[in-house]
Amino acid sequence: MQNSIDAPSATLSDKWTTGRRGFLRSAFAGAAAIALRPALIEPAWAGEGLTGTGLVAPSQLAVVRRTIEVNGRAASVFGIQQQNGTPGLRLRAGDAFNVVLRNETAEPTSVHWHGLTPPWPSDGVPDAPLPLIATGAQRNFGFPVRDPGTYWMHAHTLQEQQLLAAPLIVADPDQARRDEQEVVILLHDFSFTSPQELLARLTQNRPASASAHSRSTPDAHPAGKMSHDGMSMDGDSMPGMDMSGSGTRQAPMAAMQMDLNDIDYDAYLANDRTLDDPEVVQVESGGRLRVRVINGATATAFTVDFGNLEGTLIAVDGQPVQPVTGRRFPLSMAQRIDVRLKLPREPRAFPILALREGGKERTGIVLQVPGAQVARLTAAGNTRGPVLDLALETKLRAAAPLASRRPNKTFAMALVGDMAAYRWGLEARPRIAVDRGDRVEVTLRNTSMMAHPMHLHGHHFQVVAIDGRRFAGAVRDTVLVPPGRSVTIAVDANNPGQWAFHCHHLYHMATGMMTTFAYNA
């Protein structure tokens, strides 16, 4: 049960945002852009939080303003932290999620518990159904936490761009005695420009009659620091593009152009730091590690590169999968991976890098064995990062799949967009309306020229088909749908509410790429 003790909804100071207040409500009810509220953000690394099982004392979390250094400059960002300043939250499966969240900033805000399956009123989307948390107000959250996994928390507003995000780790009590060190990495894209200005630049060339129903036009690049790295859809790469491995795309749409990035950011961060001054994590020679990587970027996909270390992928989006070994793993916005590593017995430093899709920019951390020298790393590599595709997705198999049953409701959803107008949308036929107990299948077909990481709130789903080929894939909460591809997901309708279903590219969501997974009354 959630007790709202916040003050009446505050008047939003940003006229651009307040002018869309009514639009946002109607958009969530039907089409798509709750994210157009003001928002600032800060990251947090999950620290030791509540222990034991069953009922626990309330955990105090605060949304705060903080200052970090980026490229030698001070940057004011948001954060979510415990009373001792530790960012994020750590629980154990079986604990109650018993949290008091206080807004200590000058902006109204909200926090979404990404990957958890709370009752709908606790989901954290503004006005769905609760308003933003006013300045100086707090809100109580209480619900059971069942599944261990790597989750995260973040604003469901433009504040997400300003690092209003943090890890939310739910540990498995059965793994407590396992001899391994845990490392959490939260990735971000960072700009000194406000998210409102970034969005204004993206949409400044929008014609009055622009529609998301027309095809994306790769030749129209909005003015400002906007990037449209492209690649021929017949598989020809840009110069230096790495087209090998599980993180690359073999495109089926010949003679068409794919847009990779909307924005050239000022920096890319791992745990708040650039690769010029990375976090150095002390590890044991020959030690075992569990590395949890969260892509908290708002508009940037990465490939996580473990270099010479071969890792074993054991979970995606917090849900266990049958093990897959590799050195590189693709990670779209909002997705998470858990990778186990066994370090060699030698005094070496081991960078873990996140390579920006289609660009030379990179970020990451360094694992340092005692006695090892840490070489200087640069924030730009020599080659471009791979283009994400579905090669790994086709290999993934859930360790705990959904029960086998035929769907009794099916839906088709087109992911549509117009890059010139910068307008995006979701066209569901019929409108998604379900009843409790339904097995639902939704086929997501991307007809635009950008990839879209699609996230469903309040549920976990299983990937059951790619381009019409059926298989028992991973259980997730966010799945990438590249241009020209289709992905079918199966969902058990077991958590009533009016749930957000959207692209997790912040600016796609803010311009229309959101709908509702709605339960009938």
Protein backbone atom coordinates (compact mmCIF):
# COMPACT_ATOMS: atom_id res chain seq x y z
CA MET A 1 0.00 0.00 0.00
CA GLN A 2 1.26 3.48 -0.80
CA ASN A 3 0.45 6.45 1.40
CA SER A 4 0.67 9.76 -0.43
CA ILE A 5 1.57 12.57 1.94
CA ASP A 6 2.89 15.00 -0.61
CA ALA A 7 1.48 18.47 -0.98
CA PRO A 8 -0.96 19.34 -3.77
CA SER A 9 0.58 19.22 -7.22
CA ALA A 10 3.04 22.04 -7.60
CA THR A 11 2.88 24.47 -10.47
CA LEU A 12 5.71 23.57 -12.80
CA SER A 13 8.07 26.45 -13.36
CA ASP A 14 8.93 25.57 -16.94
CA LYS A 15 6.27 27.12 -19.21
CA TRP A 16 7.22 24.74 -21.99
CA THR A 17 6.36 21.84 -19.71
CA THR A 18 3.29 23.21 -18.01
CA GLY A 19 1.76 23.97 -21.35
CA ARG A 20 1.70 20.25 -21.98
CA ARG A 21 0.29 19.15 -18.65
CA GLY A 22 -3.16 18.34 -20.02
CA PHE A 23 -1.61 16.84 -23.14
CA LEU A 24 0.50 14.49 -21.06
CA ARG A 25 -2.50 13.11 -19.24
CA SER A 26 -4.40 12.45 -22.46
CA ALA A 27 -1.27 11.11 -24.13
CA PHE A 28 -0.79 8.48 -21.45
CA ALA A 29 -4.44 7.53 -21.67
CA GLY A 30 -4.12 7.03 -25.39
CA ALA A 31 -0.88 7.65 -27.15
CA ALA A 32 2.30 8.78 -25.66
CA ALA A 33 4.38 11.38 -23.92
CA ILE A 34 4.27 11.58 -20.22
CA ALA A 35 7.98 12.22 -20.21
CA LEU A 36 7.61 15.90 -21.16
CA ARG A 37 7.70 17.07 -17.54
CA PRO A 38 10.72 18.89 -16.08
CA ALA A 39 13.29 16.54 -14.77
CA LEU A 40 16.72 16.50 -13.33
CA ILE A 41 18.63 13.47 -12.31
CA GLU A 42 21.55 11.94 -10.53
CA PRO A 43 22.96 8.42 -10.50
CA ALA A 44 23.67 6.21 -7.56
CA TRP A 45 25.53 3.02 -6.99
CA ALA A 46 23.72 0.36 -4.98
CA GLY A 47 25.12 0.12 -1.51
CA GLU A 48 24.42 -2.22 1.33
CA GLY A 49 20.85 -1.52 2.33
CA LEU A 50 18.28 -3.71 3.99
CA THR A 51 19.07 -7.23 5.07
CA GLY A 52 17.09 -10.23 6.20
CA THR A 53 13.81 -11.41 4.84
CA GLY A 54 10.24 -10.47 5.43
CA LEU A 55 9.38 -7.12 7.04
CA VAL A 56 12.13 -4.52 7.26
CA ALA A 57 12.48 -1.03 8.65
CA PRO A 58 11.72 1.77 6.18
CA SER A 59 14.60 2.78 3.96
CA GLN A 60 15.01 6.52 3.54
CA LEU A 61 15.79 7.70 0.01
CA ALA A 62 16.14 11.30 -1.10
CA VAL A 63 16.14 12.93 -4.50
CA VAL A 64 18.90 15.52 -4.25
CA ARG A 65 21.00 17.95 -6.22
CA ARG A 66 24.72 17.25 -6.35
CA THR A 67 27.79 18.41 -8.22
CA ILE A 68 30.13 16.18 -10.19
CA GLU A 69 33.10 16.96 -12.41
CA VAL A 70 32.80 16.24 -16.12
CA ASN A 71 35.62 17.06 -18.54
CA GLY A 72 37.17 19.39 -15.97
CA ARG A 73 33.94 21.33 -15.42
CA ALA A 74 31.51 21.32 -12.53
CA ALA A 75 28.13 19.88 -13.44
CA SER A 76 24.98 20.17 -11.34
CA VAL A 77 22.97 16.96 -11.59
CA PHE A 78 20.38 15.02 -9.64
CA GLY A 79 20.83 11.93 -7.51
CA ILE A 80 18.90 9.37 -5.49
CA GLN A 81 20.69 8.47 -2.28
CA GLN A 82 20.35 7.00 1.16
CA GLN A 83 20.82 9.02 4.36
CA ASN A 84 24.54 8.19 4.42
CA GLY A 85 24.97 9.45 0.86
CA THR A 86 25.12 6.00 -0.74
CA PRO A 87 23.38 6.12 -4.09
CA GLY A 88 20.65 3.61 -4.88
CA LEU A 89 19.31 0.75 -2.85
CA ARG A 90 20.13 -2.87 -2.13
CA LEU A 91 17.53 -5.40 -0.97
CA ARG A 92 17.24 -9.15 -0.74
CA ALA A 93 14.55 -11.17 -2.48
CA GLY A 94 11.77 -11.78 0.01
CA ASP A 95 12.20 -8.38 1.67
CA ALA A 96 9.42 -5.84 1.57
CA PHE A 97 10.07 -2.78 -0.56
CA ASN A 98 9.51 -0.37 2.31
CA VAL A 99 10.76 3.03 1.16
CA VAL A 100 10.17 6.63 2.13
CA LEU A 101 11.15 8.83 -0.83
CA ARG A 102 11.69 12.53 -0.11
CA ASN A 103 12.13 15.25 -2.71
CA GLU A 104 14.90 17.57 -1.51
CA THR A 105 15.20 19.47 -4.80
CA ALA A 106 13.49 22.63 -6.05
CA GLU A 107 11.68 20.69 -8.79
CA PRO A 108 8.69 18.36 -8.52
CA THR A 109 9.74 14.87 -9.49
CA SER A 110 8.92 11.17 -9.54
CA VAL A 111 10.86 7.90 -9.46
CA HIS A 112 10.03 4.74 -11.40
CA TRP A 113 11.25 1.40 -9.97
CA HIS A 114 12.38 -0.08 -13.27
CA GLY A 115 12.07 -3.86 -13.50
CA LEU A 116 10.07 -4.32 -10.30
CA THR A 117 6.39 -5.25 -10.47
CA PRO A 118 4.70 -3.05 -7.85
CA PRO A 119 1.00 -2.26 -7.61
CA TRP A 120 0.15 0.28 -10.31
CA PRO A 121 -0.11 3.33 -7.97
CA SER A 122 3.50 2.74 -6.88
CA ASP A 123 4.92 2.66 -10.42
CA GLY A 124 6.21 6.25 -10.44
CA VAL A 125 4.83 7.58 -13.74
CA PRO A 126 3.48 11.13 -13.25
CA ASP A 127 -0.34 11.31 -13.06
CA ALA A 128 -0.62 7.55 -13.50
CA PRO A 129 -2.30 7.75 -11.14
CA LEU A 130 -0.36 9.86 -8.60
CA PRO A 131 1.03 13.36 -9.24
CA LEU A 132 4.65 14.37 -9.06
CA ILE A 133 6.19 14.63 -5.60
CA ALA A 134 6.36 18.30 -4.71
CA THR A 135 9.44 20.06 -3.37
CA GLY A 136 9.95 19.13 0.30
CA ALA A 137 7.28 16.41 0.19
CA GLN A 138 7.70 12.68 0.63
CA ARG A 139 5.86 9.53 -0.41
CA ASN A 140 5.78 6.06 1.14
CA PHE A 141 6.07 2.90 -0.93
CA GLY A 142 5.36 -0.60 0.32
CA PHE A 143 5.08 -3.83 -1.67
CA PRO A 144 6.75 -7.27 -1.76
CA VAL A 145 9.96 -7.88 -3.68
CA ARG A 146 9.92 -11.41 -5.07
CA ASP A 147 12.60 -11.81 -7.73
CA PRO A 148 16.33 -11.19 -7.28
CA GLY A 149 17.99 -9.27 -10.07
CA THR A 150 19.66 -6.14 -11.40
CA TYR A 151 17.10 -3.35 -11.52
CA TRP A 152 17.29 0.42 -11.34
CA MET A 153 15.34 3.53 -10.42
CA HIS A 154 14.98 6.68 -12.47
CA ALA A 155 12.82 9.72 -13.11
CA HIS A 156 10.01 9.32 -15.61
CA THR A 157 10.52 12.90 -16.79
CA LEU A 158 13.17 14.82 -18.67
CA GLN A 159 15.10 14.90 -15.38
CA GLU A 160 16.39 11.45 -16.31
CA GLN A 161 18.79 13.19 -18.73
CA GLN A 162 20.33 14.97 -15.73
CA LEU A 163 21.28 11.72 -13.99
CA LEU A 164 18.19 11.23 -11.85
CA ALA A 165 18.82 7.49 -11.70
CA ALA A 166 20.43 4.89 -9.46
CA PRO A 167 20.94 1.11 -9.19
CA LEU A 168 18.34 -1.01 -7.42
CA ILE A 169 19.89 -4.39 -6.64
CA VAL A 170 17.82 -7.28 -5.29
CA ALA A 171 20.24 -9.93 -4.06
CA ASP A 172 19.51 -13.64 -4.06
CA PRO A 173 19.81 -15.02 -0.50
CA ASP A 174 20.72 -18.42 -1.97
CA GLN A 175 23.84 -16.82 -3.52
CA ALA A 176 25.00 -15.12 -0.30
CA ARG A 177 27.74 -17.67 0.39
CA ARG A 178 29.07 -17.62 -3.16
CA ASP A 179 32.71 -16.55 -3.25
CA GLU A 180 32.51 -13.67 -5.69
CA GLN A 181 32.92 -9.91 -5.64
CA GLU A 182 30.10 -7.78 -6.97
CA VAL A 183 30.73 -4.80 -9.25
CA VAL A 184 27.91 -2.47 -10.34
CA ILE A 185 28.32 -0.18 -13.34
CA LEU A 186 25.73 2.47 -14.21
CA LEU A 187 26.19 4.04 -17.65
CA HIS A 188 24.98 7.50 -18.66
CA ASP A 189 25.13 9.95 -21.53
CA PHE A 190 25.74 13.49 -20.29
CA SER A 191 25.19 16.97 -21.71
CA PHE A 192 25.84 20.41 -20.25
CA THR A 193 22.80 21.50 -22.29
CA SER A 194 19.42 21.16 -20.59
CA PRO A 195 17.14 18.35 -21.75
CA GLN A 196 14.52 20.94 -22.69
CA GLU A 197 16.99 22.62 -25.04
CA LEU A 198 18.13 19.28 -26.48
CA LEU A 199 14.53 18.40 -27.25
CA ALA A 200 13.90 21.84 -28.74
CA ARG A 201 16.85 21.36 -31.09
CA LEU A 202 15.62 17.96 -32.15
CA THR A 203 12.15 19.25 -32.94
CA GLN A 204 13.01 22.69 -34.35
CA ASN A 205 12.62 21.56 -37.98
CA ARG A 206 9.25 19.93 -37.34
CA PRO A 207 6.73 21.03 -39.99
CA ALA A 208 3.32 22.04 -38.71
CA SER A 209 1.79 19.10 -40.58
CA ALA A 210 4.45 16.57 -39.62
CA SER A 211 3.20 13.12 -38.71
CA ALA A 212 4.80 10.15 -37.08
CA HIS A 213 3.11 7.98 -39.69
CA SER A 214 5.56 8.97 -42.42
CA ARG A 215 8.89 7.24 -42.79
CA SER A 216 12.00 8.42 -41.05
CA THR A 217 14.07 10.67 -43.29
CA PRO A 218 17.76 10.16 -42.60
CA ASP A 219 18.88 13.14 -44.65
CA ALA A 220 17.20 15.69 -42.39
CA HIS A 221 19.51 16.48 -39.51
CA PRO A 222 18.22 18.93 -36.90
CA ALA A 223 20.53 21.84 -36.24
CA GLY A 224 22.66 21.97 -33.12
CA LYS A 225 24.79 19.24 -31.66
CA MET A 226 22.65 16.45 -33.04
CA SER A 227 24.24 13.37 -34.54
CA HIS A 228 22.82 11.02 -37.13
CA ASP A 229 25.51 8.43 -37.59
CA GLY A 230 24.22 6.27 -40.38
CA MET A 231 24.87 2.96 -41.97
CA SER A 232 23.64 1.39 -45.15
CA MET A 233 20.93 -1.11 -44.39
CA ASP A 234 22.33 -3.59 -46.87
CA GLY A 235 25.08 -4.27 -44.35
CA ASP A 236 27.74 -1.86 -45.64
CA SER A 237 29.24 -0.14 -42.65
CA MET A 238 30.61 3.32 -42.10
CA PRO A 239 34.40 3.53 -42.27
CA GLY A 240 35.89 1.70 -39.32
CA MET A 241 32.60 0.10 -38.30
CA ASP A 242 33.08 -3.22 -36.54
CA MET A 243 30.60 -5.59 -38.17
CA SER A 244 31.59 -8.76 -36.33
CA GLY A 245 30.40 -10.34 -33.14
CA SER A 246 27.16 -10.54 -31.22
CA GLY A 247 26.73 -6.80 -30.93
CA THR A 248 26.47 -6.02 -34.65
CA ARG A 249 23.70 -5.74 -37.13
CA GLN A 250 23.22 -7.68 -40.35
CA ALA A 251 20.45 -5.57 -41.81
CA PRO A 252 17.64 -6.95 -44.00
CA MET A 253 16.43 -3.62 -45.39
CA ALA A 254 18.59 -3.16 -48.47
CA ALA A 255 19.25 0.31 -49.87
CA MET A 256 17.79 2.03 -46.79
CA GLN A 257 19.54 4.12 -44.18
CA MET A 258 19.48 3.63 -40.43
CA ASP A 259 19.89 6.47 -37.95
CA LEU A 260 21.97 5.48 -34.93
CA ASN A 261 22.30 8.50 -32.67
CA ASP A 262 20.20 11.63 -32.19
CA ILE A 263 22.64 13.54 -30.01
CA ASP A 264 26.40 13.91 -29.71
CA TYR A 265 26.76 14.16 -25.94
CA ASP A 266 29.44 16.08 -24.10
CA ALA A 267 30.50 12.96 -22.21
CA TYR A 268 29.68 9.32 -21.53
CA LEU A 269 29.89 8.24 -17.91
CA ALA A 270 30.39 5.04 -15.96
CA ASN A 271 29.54 5.54 -12.28
CA ASP A 272 29.65 9.32 -12.81
CA ARG A 273 33.14 9.34 -14.33
CA THR A 274 34.61 9.59 -17.81
CA LEU A 275 37.24 7.21 -19.10
CA ASP A 276 39.89 9.92 -18.76
CA ASP A 277 39.49 9.55 -14.98
CA PRO A 278 37.75 6.20 -14.48
CA GLU A 279 36.69 4.43 -11.33
CA VAL A 280 39.36 1.88 -10.42
CA VAL A 281 37.96 -1.15 -8.58
CA GLN A 282 40.32 -3.22 -6.47
CA VAL A 283 39.99 -6.96 -7.17
CA GLU A 284 41.85 -10.11 -6.17
CA SER A 285 44.22 -11.92 -8.46
CA GLY A 286 42.40 -14.99 -9.69
CA GLY A 287 39.18 -13.68 -8.14
CA ARG A 288 35.61 -14.29 -9.22
CA LEU A 289 33.34 -11.38 -10.03
CA ARG A 290 29.69 -10.74 -10.78
CA VAL A 291 29.49 -7.60 -12.90
CA ARG A 292 26.08 -5.92 -13.10
CA VAL A 293 25.89 -3.37 -15.93
CA ILE A 294 22.93 -0.98 -16.22
CA ASN A 295 22.48 1.19 -19.30
CA GLY A 296 20.98 4.30 -17.71
CA ALA A 297 21.67 6.43 -20.80
CA THR A 298 18.71 8.31 -22.19
CA ALA A 299 19.55 8.08 -25.89
CA THR A 300 22.71 5.96 -26.30
CA ALA A 301 23.16 2.24 -26.83
CA PHE A 302 26.47 0.59 -25.97
CA THR A 303 28.40 -2.61 -26.47
CA VAL A 304 29.98 -3.74 -23.20
CA ASP A 305 33.51 -4.91 -23.99
CA PHE A 306 35.36 -7.08 -21.44
CA GLY A 307 38.54 -7.03 -23.50
CA ASN A 308 40.66 -10.14 -22.95
CA LEU A 309 38.34 -11.47 -20.27
CA GLU A 310 35.77 -14.02 -21.35
CA GLY A 311 32.60 -13.58 -19.38
CA THR A 312 29.51 -15.70 -18.81
CA LEU A 313 26.22 -13.91 -19.26
CA ILE A 314 23.81 -15.24 -16.63
CA ALA A 315 20.96 -12.71 -16.59
CA VAL A 316 19.34 -9.99 -18.69
CA ASP A 317 17.10 -7.30 -17.20
CA GLY A 318 17.43 -9.08 -13.87
CA GLN A 319 16.02 -12.37 -15.16
CA PRO A 320 18.19 -15.52 -15.36
CA VAL A 321 19.15 -16.97 -18.73
CA GLN A 322 20.96 -20.11 -19.75
CA PRO A 323 24.67 -19.17 -19.72
CA VAL A 324 26.20 -17.56 -22.80
CA THR A 325 29.94 -16.92 -22.98
CA GLY A 326 31.54 -14.00 -24.76
CA ARG A 327 33.72 -10.91 -24.52
CA ARG A 328 31.23 -8.39 -25.91
CA PHE A 329 27.55 -7.95 -25.12
CA PRO A 330 25.12 -5.40 -26.62
CA LEU A 331 23.17 -3.21 -24.21
CA SER A 332 20.42 -0.86 -25.34
CA MET A 333 18.88 1.89 -23.23
CA ALA A 334 17.38 0.63 -19.92
CA GLN A 335 18.66 -2.93 -20.42
CA ARG A 336 20.88 -4.71 -17.87
CA ILE A 337 23.27 -7.64 -17.98
CA ASP A 338 24.84 -9.78 -15.26
CA VAL A 339 28.18 -11.28 -16.30
CA ARG A 340 30.43 -13.58 -14.27
CA LEU A 341 34.20 -13.25 -14.67
CA LYS A 342 37.15 -15.36 -13.53
CA LEU A 343 40.30 -13.28 -13.39
CA PRO A 344 43.69 -14.74 -14.30
CA ARG A 345 46.37 -14.98 -11.61
CA GLU A 346 48.62 -12.21 -12.82
CA PRO A 347 49.18 -8.58 -11.78
CA ARG A 348 47.23 -6.85 -14.52
CA ALA A 349 44.58 -4.18 -14.88
CA PHE A 350 41.44 -5.06 -16.81
CA PRO A 351 39.33 -2.30 -18.37
CA ILE A 352 35.61 -2.94 -18.83
CA LEU A 353 34.52 -0.58 -21.60
CA ALA A 354 31.17 0.60 -22.93
CA LEU A 355 31.48 1.44 -26.63
CA ARG A 356 29.02 3.95 -28.02
CA GLU A 357 26.98 2.49 -30.86
CA GLY A 358 28.37 3.69 -34.20
CA GLY A 359 30.86 6.06 -32.59
CA LYS A 360 34.40 6.09 -31.26
CA GLU A 361 33.35 7.44 -27.87
CA ARG A 362 33.59 5.09 -24.92
CA THR A 363 33.45 4.97 -21.15
CA GLY A 364 34.04 2.35 -18.48
CA ILE A 365 35.85 1.29 -15.33
CA VAL A 366 39.11 -0.50 -14.58
CA LEU A 367 39.61 -3.65 -12.48
CA GLN A 368 42.98 -3.47 -10.70
CA VAL A 369 44.78 -6.46 -9.23
CA PRO A 370 47.24 -5.56 -6.43
CA GLY A 371 50.54 -4.54 -7.93
CA ALA A 372 49.12 -3.84 -11.39
CA GLN A 373 49.77 -0.61 -13.23
CA VAL A 374 46.74 1.19 -14.67
CA ALA A 375 47.51 2.62 -18.10
CA ARG A 376 45.91 5.88 -19.16
CA LEU A 377 42.77 5.41 -21.25
CA THR A 378 41.21 7.89 -23.62
CA ALA A 379 37.51 8.63 -24.01
CA ALA A 380 37.77 8.01 -27.76
CA GLY A 381 38.85 4.71 -29.26
CA ASN A 382 40.35 3.96 -32.66
CA THR A 383 37.32 2.23 -34.15
CA ARG A 384 33.59 2.77 -34.04
CA GLY A 385 31.42 0.78 -31.70
CA PRO A 386 29.30 -2.01 -33.18
CA VAL A 387 25.74 -1.45 -34.32
CA LEU A 388 23.35 -3.39 -32.09
CA ASP A 389 21.29 -6.15 -33.62
CA LEU A 390 19.34 -9.22 -32.50
CA ALA A 391 22.11 -11.81 -32.89
CA LEU A 392 22.50 -12.29 -29.15
CA GLU A 393 18.75 -12.08 -28.55
CA THR A 394 18.17 -15.07 -30.83
CA LYS A 395 20.61 -17.13 -28.73
CA LEU A 396 19.17 -16.28 -25.32
CA ARG A 397 17.00 -18.83 -23.53
CA ALA A 398 15.20 -18.14 -20.28
CA ALA A 399 16.30 -20.17 -17.29
CA ALA A 400 12.78 -19.76 -15.88
CA PRO A 401 10.45 -19.36 -18.89
CA LEU A 402 6.76 -18.55 -18.74
CA ALA A 403 4.46 -21.54 -18.49
CA SER A 404 3.57 -22.93 -21.90
CA ARG A 405 0.09 -21.86 -23.00
CA ARG A 406 -1.59 -20.42 -26.04
CA PRO A 407 -2.34 -16.68 -26.05
CA ASN A 408 -5.96 -15.69 -25.78
CA LYS A 409 -5.27 -12.09 -26.85
CA THR A 410 -2.88 -10.96 -29.59
CA PHE A 411 -1.95 -7.48 -30.74
CA ALA A 412 0.17 -5.97 -33.50
CA MET A 413 2.02 -2.74 -32.80
CA ALA A 414 3.85 -0.67 -35.41
CA LEU A 415 6.76 1.46 -34.25
CA VAL A 416 6.57 4.51 -36.50
CA GLY A 417 8.62 7.65 -36.84
CA ASP A 418 9.62 10.65 -38.91
CA MET A 419 13.18 11.80 -38.33
CA ALA A 420 12.73 15.07 -40.25
CA ALA A 421 9.78 16.07 -38.08
CA TYR A 422 11.18 14.26 -35.06
CA ARG A 423 7.86 12.75 -34.22
CA TRP A 424 7.47 9.16 -33.07
CA GLY A 425 4.54 6.93 -32.28
CA LEU A 426 3.07 3.50 -31.59
CA GLU A 427 0.14 2.17 -33.61
CA ALA A 428 -1.54 -0.77 -31.88
CA ARG A 429 -4.22 -2.80 -33.63
CA PRO A 430 -6.46 -3.29 -31.83
CA ARG A 431 -5.87 -0.98 -28.86
CA ILE A 432 -4.19 -2.98 -26.10
CA ALA A 433 -6.88 -3.89 -23.56
CA VAL A 434 -6.50 -7.03 -21.46
CA ASP A 435 -8.19 -8.87 -18.62
CA ARG A 436 -6.53 -10.32 -15.57
CA GLY A 437 -5.46 -13.89 -16.28
CA ASP A 438 -4.92 -13.36 -20.01
CA ARG A 439 -1.87 -14.67 -21.84
CA VAL A 440 -1.12 -11.80 -24.19
CA GLU A 441 1.17 -11.68 -27.21
CA VAL A 442 2.25 -8.41 -28.80
CA THR A 443 4.19 -8.28 -32.07
CA LEU A 444 6.33 -5.14 -32.27
CA ARG A 445 7.22 -4.23 -35.85
CA ASN A 446 9.66 -1.38 -36.43
CA THR A 447 8.84 0.55 -39.61
CA SER A 448 11.10 3.50 -38.73
CA MET A 449 14.79 4.06 -39.37
CA MET A 450 15.89 4.05 -35.73
CA ALA A 451 16.08 1.19 -33.26
CA HIS A 452 13.68 1.31 -30.31
CA PRO A 453 14.20 -0.35 -26.89
CA MET A 454 10.60 -1.13 -25.88
CA HIS A 455 9.81 -1.26 -22.15
CA LEU A 456 6.64 -2.54 -20.46
CA HIS A 457 5.95 -1.38 -16.92
CA GLY A 458 4.68 -3.64 -14.15
CA HIS A 459 5.41 -6.97 -15.88
CA HIS A 460 8.11 -9.24 -17.19
CA PHE A 461 7.63 -10.65 -20.67
CA GLN A 462 9.24 -13.42 -22.69
CA VAL A 463 10.60 -13.00 -26.21
CA VAL A 464 8.81 -15.72 -28.20
CA ALA A 465 9.53 -14.78 -31.84
CA ILE A 466 11.89 -12.69 -33.94
CA ASP A 467 10.80 -11.90 -37.49
CA GLY A 468 8.11 -14.55 -37.13
CA ARG A 469 10.47 -17.35 -36.09
CA ARG A 470 9.19 -18.86 -32.83
CA PHE A 471 11.49 -19.79 -29.97
CA ALA A 472 11.52 -19.67 -26.15
CA GLY A 473 13.73 -16.64 -25.63
CA ALA A 474 14.74 -14.52 -22.66
CA VAL A 475 12.40 -13.11 -20.03
CA ARG A 476 12.88 -9.34 -19.94
CA ASP A 477 11.28 -5.97 -19.32
CA THR A 478 13.00 -4.11 -22.21
CA VAL A 479 13.65 -5.48 -25.69
CA LEU A 480 15.39 -3.84 -28.65
CA VAL A 481 13.53 -3.72 -31.97
CA PRO A 482 15.93 -2.65 -34.76
CA PRO A 483 14.69 -1.04 -38.00
CA GLY A 484 12.78 -3.41 -40.28
CA ARG A 485 12.61 -6.15 -37.66
CA SER A 486 9.79 -7.58 -35.58
CA VAL A 487 9.83 -9.03 -32.07
CA THR A 488 6.93 -10.88 -30.46
CA ILE A 489 6.62 -10.88 -26.68
CA ALA A 490 4.37 -12.96 -24.41
CA VAL A 491 2.99 -11.43 -21.20
CA ASP A 492 0.89 -12.89 -18.41
CA ALA A 493 -1.63 -10.24 -17.41
CA ASN A 494 -1.35 -10.63 -13.64
CA ASN A 495 -0.88 -7.05 -12.34
CA PRO A 496 -3.95 -4.86 -13.00
CA GLY A 497 -3.48 -1.20 -13.86
CA GLN A 498 -3.00 1.23 -16.72
CA TRP A 499 0.63 0.51 -17.43
CA ALA A 500 3.03 2.57 -19.51
CA PHE A 501 4.41 0.80 -22.60
CA HIS A 502 7.01 2.89 -24.41
CA CYS A 503 10.31 3.33 -26.18
CA HIS A 504 13.06 3.91 -23.62
CA HIS A 505 14.81 6.47 -25.79
CA LEU A 506 13.86 9.52 -23.72
CA TYR A 507 13.29 11.87 -26.66
CA HIS A 508 11.31 9.33 -28.67
CA MET A 509 9.07 8.83 -25.66
CA ALA A 510 8.79 12.59 -25.14
CA THR A 511 7.58 13.10 -28.71
CA GLY A 512 4.95 10.39 -28.80
CA MET A 513 6.34 6.87 -28.47
CA MET A 514 4.26 5.78 -25.49
CA THR A 515 0.99 3.96 -25.08
CA THR A 516 -0.93 2.07 -22.39
CA PHE A 517 -1.07 -1.64 -21.59
CA ALA A 518 -4.54 -1.29 -20.14
CA TYR A 519 -6.56 -3.67 -18.02
CA ASN A 520 -10.32 -3.60 -18.53
CA ALA A 521 -12.26 -2.39 -15.50
